[in-house]
Amino acid sequence: LEGNYIHGYINCQFKKDVEIDTDKKIYIKKAWLTFYIKDKITVPYIFINEFEYVEDVIKQNVTKDEGKDLGKEVDPFEDFANDMPLSDEDLPF
């Protein structure tokens, strides 16, 4: 569609009793794509097993890099594309 935006989303779920601040961005450390069935329709969602707030990751990196060139911007997503091994312990089923 030329010149138009299409907005969409995918649902996500966190571990039981996890509360997040919806005004903050998160850095997902462990997650996987899964689904549930509602009215005979498959509904996909992302199960987020482990995460940190982006601002906390940045603070950790700044603290770790004290004495180094802090003028360089820290990328909290640099490890995003790296493979994440999963064990049976990590899976919800």
PDB file of N, CA and C in Angstrom:
ATOM      1  N   LEU A   1       0.842  -1.170   0.000  1.00  0.00           N
ATOM      2  CA  LEU A   1       0.000   0.000   0.000  1.00  0.00           C
ATOM      3  C   LEU A   1       0.889   1.235   0.000  1.00  0.00           C
ATOM      4  N   GLU A   2       0.866   1.956  -1.077  1.00  0.00           N
ATOM      5  CA  GLU A   2       1.742   3.116  -1.213  1.00  0.00           C
ATOM      6  C   GLU A   2       1.354   4.247  -0.279  1.00  0.00           C
ATOM      7  N   GLY A   3       2.336   4.730   0.478  1.00  0.00           N
ATOM      8  CA  GLY A   3       2.126   5.886   1.343  1.00  0.00           C
ATOM      9  C   GLY A   3       1.286   5.615   2.579  1.00  0.00           C
ATOM     10  N   ASN A   4       0.904   4.388   2.817  1.00  0.00           N
ATOM     11  CA  ASN A   4       0.093   4.058   3.990  1.00  0.00           C
ATOM     12  C   ASN A   4       0.873   3.164   4.938  1.00  0.00           C
ATOM     13  N   TYR A   5       0.541   3.278   6.194  1.00  0.00           N
ATOM     14  CA  TYR A   5       1.146   2.416   7.204  1.00  0.00           C
ATOM     15  C   TYR A   5       0.173   1.307   7.545  1.00  0.00           C
ATOM     16  N   ILE A   6       0.706   0.137   7.792  1.00  0.00           N
ATOM     17  CA  ILE A   6      -0.094  -0.968   8.283  1.00  0.00           C
ATOM     18  C   ILE A   6       0.436  -1.296   9.673  1.00  0.00           C
ATOM     19  N   HIS A   7      -0.405  -1.175  10.660  1.00  0.00           N
ATOM     20  CA  HIS A   7      -0.002  -1.453  12.031  1.00  0.00           C
ATOM     21  C   HIS A   7      -0.393  -2.877  12.391  1.00  0.00           C
ATOM     22  N   GLY A   8       0.464  -3.558  13.094  1.00  0.00           N
ATOM     23  CA  GLY A   8       0.182  -4.919  13.515  1.00  0.00           C
ATOM     24  C   GLY A   8       0.911  -5.219  14.810  1.00  0.00           C
ATOM     25  N   TYR A   9       0.659  -6.372  15.350  1.00  0.00           N
ATOM     26  CA  TYR A   9       1.304  -6.778  16.583  1.00  0.00           C
ATOM     27  C   TYR A   9       1.291  -8.296  16.674  1.00  0.00           C
ATOM     28  N   ILE A  10       2.084  -8.810  17.580  1.00  0.00           N
ATOM     29  CA  ILE A  10       2.016 -10.222  17.943  1.00  0.00           C
ATOM     30  C   ILE A  10       1.981 -10.257  19.467  1.00  0.00           C
ATOM     31  N   ASN A  11       1.099 -11.061  19.991  1.00  0.00           N
ATOM     32  CA  ASN A  11       0.962 -11.167  21.441  1.00  0.00           C
ATOM     33  C   ASN A  11       2.225 -11.757  22.046  1.00  0.00           C
ATOM     34  N   CYS A  12       2.457 -11.428  23.316  1.00  0.00           N
ATOM     35  CA  CYS A  12       3.552 -12.054  24.040  1.00  0.00           C
ATOM     36  C   CYS A  12       3.073 -12.391  25.443  1.00  0.00           C
ATOM     37  N   GLN A  13       3.772 -13.320  26.065  1.00  0.00           N
ATOM     38  CA  GLN A  13       3.420 -13.758  27.405  1.00  0.00           C
ATOM     39  C   GLN A  13       4.706 -13.902  28.201  1.00  0.00           C
ATOM     40  N   PHE A  14       4.623 -13.568  29.479  1.00  0.00           N
ATOM     41  CA  PHE A  14       5.758 -13.685  30.386  1.00  0.00           C
ATOM     42  C   PHE A  14       5.478 -14.792  31.400  1.00  0.00           C
ATOM     43  N   LYS A  15       6.490 -15.159  32.173  1.00  0.00           N
ATOM     44  CA  LYS A  15       6.306 -16.153  33.230  1.00  0.00           C
ATOM     45  C   LYS A  15       5.241 -15.660  34.212  1.00  0.00           C
ATOM     46  N   LYS A  16       4.648 -16.608  34.914  1.00  0.00           N
ATOM     47  CA  LYS A  16       3.617 -16.299  35.896  1.00  0.00           C
ATOM     48  C   LYS A  16       4.152 -15.313  36.938  1.00  0.00           C
ATOM     49  N   ASP A  17       3.329 -14.359  37.321  1.00  0.00           N
ATOM     50  CA  ASP A  17       3.620 -13.354  38.357  1.00  0.00           C
ATOM     51  C   ASP A  17       4.693 -12.340  37.964  1.00  0.00           C
ATOM     52  N   VAL A  18       5.074 -12.278  36.697  1.00  0.00           N
ATOM     53  CA  VAL A  18       6.034 -11.266  36.249  1.00  0.00           C
ATOM     54  C   VAL A  18       5.261 -10.005  35.872  1.00  0.00           C
ATOM     55  N   GLU A  19       5.660  -8.900  36.459  1.00  0.00           N
ATOM     56  CA  GLU A  19       5.054  -7.619  36.122  1.00  0.00           C
ATOM     57  C   GLU A  19       6.123  -6.757  35.469  1.00  0.00           C
ATOM     58  N   ILE A  20       5.762  -6.096  34.361  1.00  0.00           N
ATOM     59  CA  ILE A  20       6.731  -5.239  33.687  1.00  0.00           C
ATOM     60  C   ILE A  20       6.206  -3.821  33.619  1.00  0.00           C
ATOM     61  N   ASP A  21       7.119  -2.895  33.528  1.00  0.00           N
ATOM     62  CA  ASP A  21       6.779  -1.487  33.349  1.00  0.00           C
ATOM     63  C   ASP A  21       6.528  -1.270  31.864  1.00  0.00           C
ATOM     64  N   THR A  22       5.293  -1.016  31.480  1.00  0.00           N
ATOM     65  CA  THR A  22       4.948  -0.922  30.059  1.00  0.00           C
ATOM     66  C   THR A  22       5.505   0.323  29.381  1.00  0.00           C
ATOM     67  N   ASP A  23       6.063   1.247  30.160  1.00  0.00           N
ATOM     68  CA  ASP A  23       6.645   2.458  29.567  1.00  0.00           C
ATOM     69  C   ASP A  23       8.116   2.279  29.205  1.00  0.00           C
ATOM     70  N   LYS A  24       8.671   1.102  29.488  1.00  0.00           N
ATOM     71  CA  LYS A  24      10.089   0.868  29.241  1.00  0.00           C
ATOM     72  C   LYS A  24      10.287  -0.181  28.157  1.00  0.00           C
ATOM     73  N   LYS A  25      11.403  -0.061  27.432  1.00  0.00           N
ATOM     74  CA  LYS A  25      11.780  -1.065  26.435  1.00  0.00           C
ATOM     75  C   LYS A  25      12.493  -2.195  27.150  1.00  0.00           C
ATOM     76  N   ILE A  26      12.322  -3.423  26.594  1.00  0.00           N
ATOM     77  CA  ILE A  26      12.990  -4.560  27.203  1.00  0.00           C
ATOM     78  C   ILE A  26      13.974  -5.186  26.216  1.00  0.00           C
ATOM     79  N   TYR A  27      14.995  -5.814  26.772  1.00  0.00           N
ATOM     80  CA  TYR A  27      15.982  -6.584  26.022  1.00  0.00           C
ATOM     81  C   TYR A  27      15.655  -8.036  26.318  1.00  0.00           C
ATOM     82  N   ILE A  28      15.227  -8.782  25.297  1.00  0.00           N
ATOM     83  CA  ILE A  28      14.803 -10.168  25.477  1.00  0.00           C
ATOM     84  C   ILE A  28      16.037 -11.071  25.452  1.00  0.00           C
ATOM     85  N   LYS A  29      16.236 -11.805  26.540  1.00  0.00           N
ATOM     86  CA  LYS A  29      17.372 -12.709  26.650  1.00  0.00           C
ATOM     87  C   LYS A  29      17.009 -14.128  26.225  1.00  0.00           C
ATOM     88  N   LYS A  30      15.824 -14.612  26.611  1.00  0.00           N
ATOM     89  CA  LYS A  30      15.355 -15.945  26.229  1.00  0.00           C
ATOM     90  C   LYS A  30      13.865 -15.865  25.897  1.00  0.00           C
ATOM     91  N   ALA A  31      13.514 -16.339  24.705  1.00  0.00           N
ATOM     92  CA  ALA A  31      12.111 -16.339  24.287  1.00  0.00           C
ATOM     93  C   ALA A  31      11.930 -17.320  23.142  1.00  0.00           C
ATOM     94  N   TRP A  32      10.706 -17.717  22.883  1.00  0.00           N
ATOM     95  CA  TRP A  32      10.413 -18.593  21.748  1.00  0.00           C
ATOM     96  C   TRP A  32       8.992 -18.359  21.270  1.00  0.00           C
ATOM     97  N   LEU A  33       8.764 -18.748  20.038  1.00  0.00           N
ATOM     98  CA  LEU A  33       7.455 -18.632  19.419  1.00  0.00           C
ATOM     99  C   LEU A  33       6.641 -19.873  19.769  1.00  0.00           C
ATOM    100  N   THR A  34       5.424 -19.674  20.232  1.00  0.00           N
ATOM    101  CA  THR A  34       4.542 -20.781  20.566  1.00  0.00           C
ATOM    102  C   THR A  34       3.119 -20.399  20.180  1.00  0.00           C
ATOM    103  N   PHE A  35       2.130 -21.160  20.573  1.00  0.00           N
ATOM    104  CA  PHE A  35       0.756 -20.867  20.174  1.00  0.00           C
ATOM    105  C   PHE A  35      -0.236 -21.495  21.141  1.00  0.00           C
ATOM    106  N   TYR A  36      -1.476 -21.030  21.029  1.00  0.00           N
ATOM    107  CA  TYR A  36      -2.593 -21.688  21.690  1.00  0.00           C
ATOM    108  C   TYR A  36      -3.720 -21.764  20.671  1.00  0.00           C
ATOM    109  N   ILE A  37      -4.720 -22.585  20.960  1.00  0.00           N
ATOM    110  CA  ILE A  37      -5.838 -22.746  20.029  1.00  0.00           C
ATOM    111  C   ILE A  37      -7.090 -22.187  20.685  1.00  0.00           C
ATOM    112  N   LYS A  38      -7.757 -21.274  19.970  1.00  0.00           N
ATOM    113  CA  LYS A  38      -8.989 -20.659  20.463  1.00  0.00           C
ATOM    114  C   LYS A  38     -10.029 -20.754  19.358  1.00  0.00           C
ATOM    115  N   ASP A  39     -11.148 -21.352  19.649  1.00  0.00           N
ATOM    116  CA  ASP A  39     -12.231 -21.512  18.670  1.00  0.00           C
ATOM    117  C   ASP A  39     -11.728 -22.139  17.372  1.00  0.00           C
ATOM    118  N   LYS A  40     -10.895 -23.175  17.522  1.00  0.00           N
ATOM    119  CA  LYS A  40     -10.322 -23.926  16.402  1.00  0.00           C
ATOM    120  C   LYS A  40      -9.395 -23.094  15.516  1.00  0.00           C
ATOM    121  N   ILE A  41      -8.887 -21.988  16.057  1.00  0.00           N
ATOM    122  CA  ILE A  41      -7.946 -21.123  15.333  1.00  0.00           C
ATOM    123  C   ILE A  41      -6.636 -21.101  16.113  1.00  0.00           C
ATOM    124  N   THR A  42      -5.527 -21.283  15.417  1.00  0.00           N
ATOM    125  CA  THR A  42      -4.210 -21.243  16.040  1.00  0.00           C
ATOM    126  C   THR A  42      -3.800 -19.783  16.218  1.00  0.00           C
ATOM    127  N   VAL A  43      -3.473 -19.412  17.446  1.00  0.00           N
ATOM    128  CA  VAL A  43      -3.075 -18.041  17.762  1.00  0.00           C
ATOM    129  C   VAL A  43      -1.615 -18.064  18.227  1.00  0.00           C
ATOM    130  N   PRO A  44      -0.690 -17.524  17.415  1.00  0.00           N
ATOM    131  CA  PRO A  44       0.721 -17.524  17.810  1.00  0.00           C
ATOM    132  C   PRO A  44       1.030 -16.403  18.810  1.00  0.00           C
ATOM    133  N   TYR A  45       2.032 -16.627  19.648  1.00  0.00           N
ATOM    134  CA  TYR A  45       2.521 -15.586  20.545  1.00  0.00           C
ATOM    135  C   TYR A  45       3.971 -15.896  20.908  1.00  0.00           C
ATOM    136  N   ILE A  46       4.644 -14.920  21.444  1.00  0.00           N
ATOM    137  CA  ILE A  46       6.031 -15.087  21.873  1.00  0.00           C
ATOM    138  C   ILE A  46       6.034 -15.244  23.390  1.00  0.00           C
ATOM    139  N   PHE A  47       6.621 -16.348  23.857  1.00  0.00           N
ATOM    140  CA  PHE A  47       6.771 -16.552  25.297  1.00  0.00           C
ATOM    141  C   PHE A  47       8.136 -16.001  25.694  1.00  0.00           C
ATOM    142  N   ILE A  48       8.144 -14.964  26.530  1.00  0.00           N
ATOM    143  CA  ILE A  48       9.388 -14.324  26.968  1.00  0.00           C
ATOM    144  C   ILE A  48       9.745 -14.890  28.334  1.00  0.00           C
ATOM    145  N   ASN A  49      10.791 -15.702  28.358  1.00  0.00           N
ATOM    146  CA  ASN A  49      11.202 -16.404  29.566  1.00  0.00           C
ATOM    147  C   ASN A  49      12.160 -15.571  30.420  1.00  0.00           C
ATOM    148  N   GLU A  50      12.994 -14.758  29.762  1.00  0.00           N
ATOM    149  CA  GLU A  50      13.986 -13.980  30.492  1.00  0.00           C
ATOM    150  C   GLU A  50      14.224 -12.662  29.763  1.00  0.00           C
ATOM    151  N   PHE A  51      14.246 -11.559  30.504  1.00  0.00           N
ATOM    152  CA  PHE A  51      14.450 -10.247  29.897  1.00  0.00           C
ATOM    153  C   PHE A  51      15.080  -9.301  30.907  1.00  0.00           C
ATOM    154  N   GLU A  52      15.585  -8.183  30.386  1.00  0.00           N
ATOM    155  CA  GLU A  52      16.076  -7.079  31.211  1.00  0.00           C
ATOM    156  C   GLU A  52      15.574  -5.791  30.590  1.00  0.00           C
ATOM    157  N   TYR A  53      15.476  -4.756  31.388  1.00  0.00           N
ATOM    158  CA  TYR A  53      15.122  -3.452  30.838  1.00  0.00           C
ATOM    159  C   TYR A  53      16.334  -2.892  30.098  1.00  0.00           C
ATOM    160  N   VAL A  54      16.111  -2.294  28.934  1.00  0.00           N
ATOM    161  CA  VAL A  54      17.198  -1.763  28.107  1.00  0.00           C
ATOM    162  C   VAL A  54      18.034  -0.761  28.890  1.00  0.00           C
ATOM    163  N   GLU A  55      17.402   0.111  29.650  1.00  0.00           N
ATOM    164  CA  GLU A  55      18.181   1.112  30.393  1.00  0.00           C
ATOM    165  C   GLU A  55      19.101   0.449  31.424  1.00  0.00           C
ATOM    166  N   ASP A  56      18.687  -0.685  31.992  1.00  0.00           N
ATOM    167  CA  ASP A  56      19.555  -1.407  32.936  1.00  0.00           C
ATOM    168  C   ASP A  56      20.750  -2.030  32.217  1.00  0.00           C
ATOM    169  N   VAL A  57      20.513  -2.557  31.007  1.00  0.00           N
ATOM    170  CA  VAL A  57      21.601  -3.142  30.217  1.00  0.00           C
ATOM    171  C   VAL A  57      22.610  -2.057  29.866  1.00  0.00           C
ATOM    172  N   ILE A  58      22.120  -0.903  29.496  1.00  0.00           N
ATOM    173  CA  ILE A  58      23.014   0.212  29.148  1.00  0.00           C
ATOM    174  C   ILE A  58      23.823   0.629  30.375  1.00  0.00           C
ATOM    175  N   LYS A  59      23.160   0.737  31.538  1.00  0.00           N
ATOM    176  CA  LYS A  59      23.868   1.118  32.768  1.00  0.00           C
ATOM    177  C   LYS A  59      24.949   0.092  33.113  1.00  0.00           C
ATOM    178  N   GLN A  60      24.642  -1.205  32.952  1.00  0.00           N
ATOM    179  CA  GLN A  60      25.631  -2.251  33.228  1.00  0.00           C
ATOM    180  C   GLN A  60      26.838  -2.110  32.307  1.00  0.00           C
ATOM    181  N   ASN A  61      26.577  -1.829  31.036  1.00  0.00           N
ATOM    182  CA  ASN A  61      27.665  -1.693  30.074  1.00  0.00           C
ATOM    183  C   ASN A  61      28.505  -0.460  30.363  1.00  0.00           C
ATOM    184  N   VAL A  62      27.874   0.621  30.770  1.00  0.00           N
ATOM    185  CA  VAL A  62      28.622   1.842  31.090  1.00  0.00           C
ATOM    186  C   VAL A  62      29.493   1.597  32.307  1.00  0.00           C
ATOM    187  N   THR A  63      28.943   0.934  33.327  1.00  0.00           N
ATOM    188  CA  THR A  63      29.717   0.622  34.534  1.00  0.00           C
ATOM    189  C   THR A  63      30.884  -0.294  34.194  1.00  0.00           C
ATOM    190  N   LYS A  64      30.620  -1.302  33.365  1.00  0.00           N
ATOM    191  CA  LYS A  64      31.653  -2.257  32.971  1.00  0.00           C
ATOM    192  C   LYS A  64      32.743  -1.576  32.140  1.00  0.00           C
ATOM    193  N   ASP A  65      32.359  -0.564  31.369  1.00  0.00           N
ATOM    194  CA  ASP A  65      33.299   0.099  30.466  1.00  0.00           C
ATOM    195  C   ASP A  65      33.920   1.357  31.064  1.00  0.00           C
ATOM    196  N   GLU A  66      33.799   1.558  32.381  1.00  0.00           N
ATOM    197  CA  GLU A  66      34.388   2.760  32.978  1.00  0.00           C
ATOM    198  C   GLU A  66      35.871   2.822  32.656  1.00  0.00           C
ATOM    199  N   GLY A  67      36.330   4.006  32.316  1.00  0.00           N
ATOM    200  CA  GLY A  67      37.730   4.183  31.962  1.00  0.00           C
ATOM    201  C   GLY A  67      37.964   4.012  30.471  1.00  0.00           C
ATOM    202  N   LYS A  68      37.011   3.441  29.761  1.00  0.00           N
ATOM    203  CA  LYS A  68      37.133   3.304  28.310  1.00  0.00           C
ATOM    204  C   LYS A  68      36.459   4.500  27.653  1.00  0.00           C
ATOM    205  N   ASP A  69      36.461   4.526  26.341  1.00  0.00           N
ATOM    206  CA  ASP A  69      35.851   5.625  25.588  1.00  0.00           C
ATOM    207  C   ASP A  69      34.336   5.562  25.735  1.00  0.00           C
ATOM    208  N   LEU A  70      33.767   6.407  26.596  1.00  0.00           N
ATOM    209  CA  LEU A  70      32.328   6.405  26.818  1.00  0.00           C
ATOM    210  C   LEU A  70      31.581   7.233  25.779  1.00  0.00           C
ATOM    211  N   GLY A  71      32.296   7.855  24.865  1.00  0.00           N
ATOM    212  CA  GLY A  71      31.646   8.607  23.797  1.00  0.00           C
ATOM    213  C   GLY A  71      31.000   7.681  22.782  1.00  0.00           C
ATOM    214  N   LYS A  72      31.412   6.428  22.797  1.00  0.00           N
ATOM    215  CA  LYS A  72      30.872   5.436  21.874  1.00  0.00           C
ATOM    216  C   LYS A  72      29.521   4.943  22.395  1.00  0.00           C
ATOM    217  N   GLU A  73      28.516   4.927  21.534  1.00  0.00           N
ATOM    218  CA  GLU A  73      27.181   4.492  21.942  1.00  0.00           C
ATOM    219  C   GLU A  73      27.156   2.983  22.153  1.00  0.00           C
ATOM    220  N   VAL A  74      26.509   2.535  23.210  1.00  0.00           N
ATOM    221  CA  VAL A  74      26.405   1.118  23.539  1.00  0.00           C
ATOM    222  C   VAL A  74      25.169   0.546  22.852  1.00  0.00           C
ATOM    223  N   ASP A  75      25.339  -0.598  22.186  1.00  0.00           N
ATOM    224  CA  ASP A  75      24.216  -1.253  21.506  1.00  0.00           C
ATOM    225  C   ASP A  75      23.735  -2.431  22.348  1.00  0.00           C
ATOM    226  N   PRO A  76      22.578  -2.306  23.032  1.00  0.00           N
ATOM    227  CA  PRO A  76      22.104  -3.408  23.877  1.00  0.00           C
ATOM    228  C   PRO A  76      21.630  -4.612  23.076  1.00  0.00           C
ATOM    229  N   PHE A  77      21.494  -4.472  21.766  1.00  0.00           N
ATOM    230  CA  PHE A  77      20.992  -5.549  20.924  1.00  0.00           C
ATOM    231  C   PHE A  77      22.092  -6.249  20.126  1.00  0.00           C
ATOM    232  N   GLU A  78      23.369  -6.008  20.434  1.00  0.00           N
ATOM    233  CA  GLU A  78      24.453  -6.553  19.623  1.00  0.00           C
ATOM    234  C   GLU A  78      24.470  -8.083  19.619  1.00  0.00           C
ATOM    235  N   ASP A  79      23.994  -8.733  20.676  1.00  0.00           N
ATOM    236  CA  ASP A  79      23.968 -10.192  20.737  1.00  0.00           C
ATOM    237  C   ASP A  79      22.636 -10.773  20.261  1.00  0.00           C
ATOM    238  N   PHE A  80      21.766  -9.949  19.748  1.00  0.00           N
ATOM    239  CA  PHE A  80      20.399 -10.349  19.397  1.00  0.00           C
ATOM    240  C   PHE A  80      20.345 -11.519  18.420  1.00  0.00           C
ATOM    241  N   ALA A  81      21.197 -11.539  17.423  1.00  0.00           N
ATOM    242  CA  ALA A  81      21.130 -12.575  16.382  1.00  0.00           C
ATOM    243  C   ALA A  81      21.919 -13.826  16.732  1.00  0.00           C
ATOM    244  N   ASN A  82      22.605 -13.855  17.860  1.00  0.00           N
ATOM    245  CA  ASN A  82      23.382 -15.023  18.243  1.00  0.00           C
ATOM    246  C   ASN A  82      22.462 -16.171  18.633  1.00  0.00           C
ATOM    247  N   ASP A  83      22.886 -17.393  18.333  1.00  0.00           N
ATOM    248  CA  ASP A  83      22.094 -18.574  18.673  1.00  0.00           C
ATOM    249  C   ASP A  83      21.978 -18.713  20.184  1.00  0.00           C
ATOM    250  N   MET A  84      20.797 -19.125  20.620  1.00  0.00           N
ATOM    251  CA  MET A  84      20.551 -19.329  22.029  1.00  0.00           C
ATOM    252  C   MET A  84      20.170 -20.787  22.237  1.00  0.00           C
ATOM    253  N   PRO A  85      21.041 -21.601  22.825  1.00  0.00           N
ATOM    254  CA  PRO A  85      20.699 -23.009  23.038  1.00  0.00           C
ATOM    255  C   PRO A  85      19.592 -23.129  24.074  1.00  0.00           C
ATOM    256  N   LEU A  86      18.654 -24.042  23.840  1.00  0.00           N
ATOM    257  CA  LEU A  86      17.560 -24.281  24.770  1.00  0.00           C
ATOM    258  C   LEU A  86      17.681 -25.689  25.342  1.00  0.00           C
ATOM    259  N   SER A  87      17.408 -25.808  26.611  1.00  0.00           N
ATOM    260  CA  SER A  87      17.372 -27.126  27.239  1.00  0.00           C
ATOM    261  C   SER A  87      15.921 -27.466  27.551  1.00  0.00           C
ATOM    262  N   ASP A  88      15.656 -28.700  27.890  1.00  0.00           N
ATOM    263  CA  ASP A  88      14.291 -29.104  28.246  1.00  0.00           C
ATOM    264  C   ASP A  88      13.784 -28.294  29.442  1.00  0.00           C
ATOM    265  N   GLU A  89      14.689 -27.851  30.280  1.00  0.00           N
ATOM    266  CA  GLU A  89      14.350 -27.059  31.462  1.00  0.00           C
ATOM    267  C   GLU A  89      13.768 -25.688  31.085  1.00  0.00           C
ATOM    268  N   ASP A  90      14.162 -25.148  29.930  1.00  0.00           N
ATOM    269  CA  ASP A  90      13.710 -23.832  29.491  1.00  0.00           C
ATOM    270  C   ASP A  90      12.305 -23.857  28.884  1.00  0.00           C
ATOM    271  N   LEU A  91      11.876 -25.012  28.437  1.00  0.00           N
ATOM    272  CA  LEU A  91      10.606 -25.117  27.714  1.00  0.00           C
ATOM    273  C   LEU A  91       9.433 -25.215  28.680  1.00  0.00           C
ATOM    274  N   PRO A  92       8.292 -24.611  28.311  1.00  0.00           N
ATOM    275  CA  PRO A  92       7.145 -24.579  29.229  1.00  0.00           C
ATOM    276  C   PRO A  92       6.337 -25.868  29.253  1.00  0.00           C
ATOM    277  N   PHE A  93       6.700 -26.862  28.473  1.00  0.00           N
ATOM    278  CA  PHE A  93       5.895 -28.094  28.419  1.00  0.00           C
ATOM    279  C   PHE A  93       6.745 -29.327  28.594  1.00  0.00           C
TER     280      PHE A  93
END
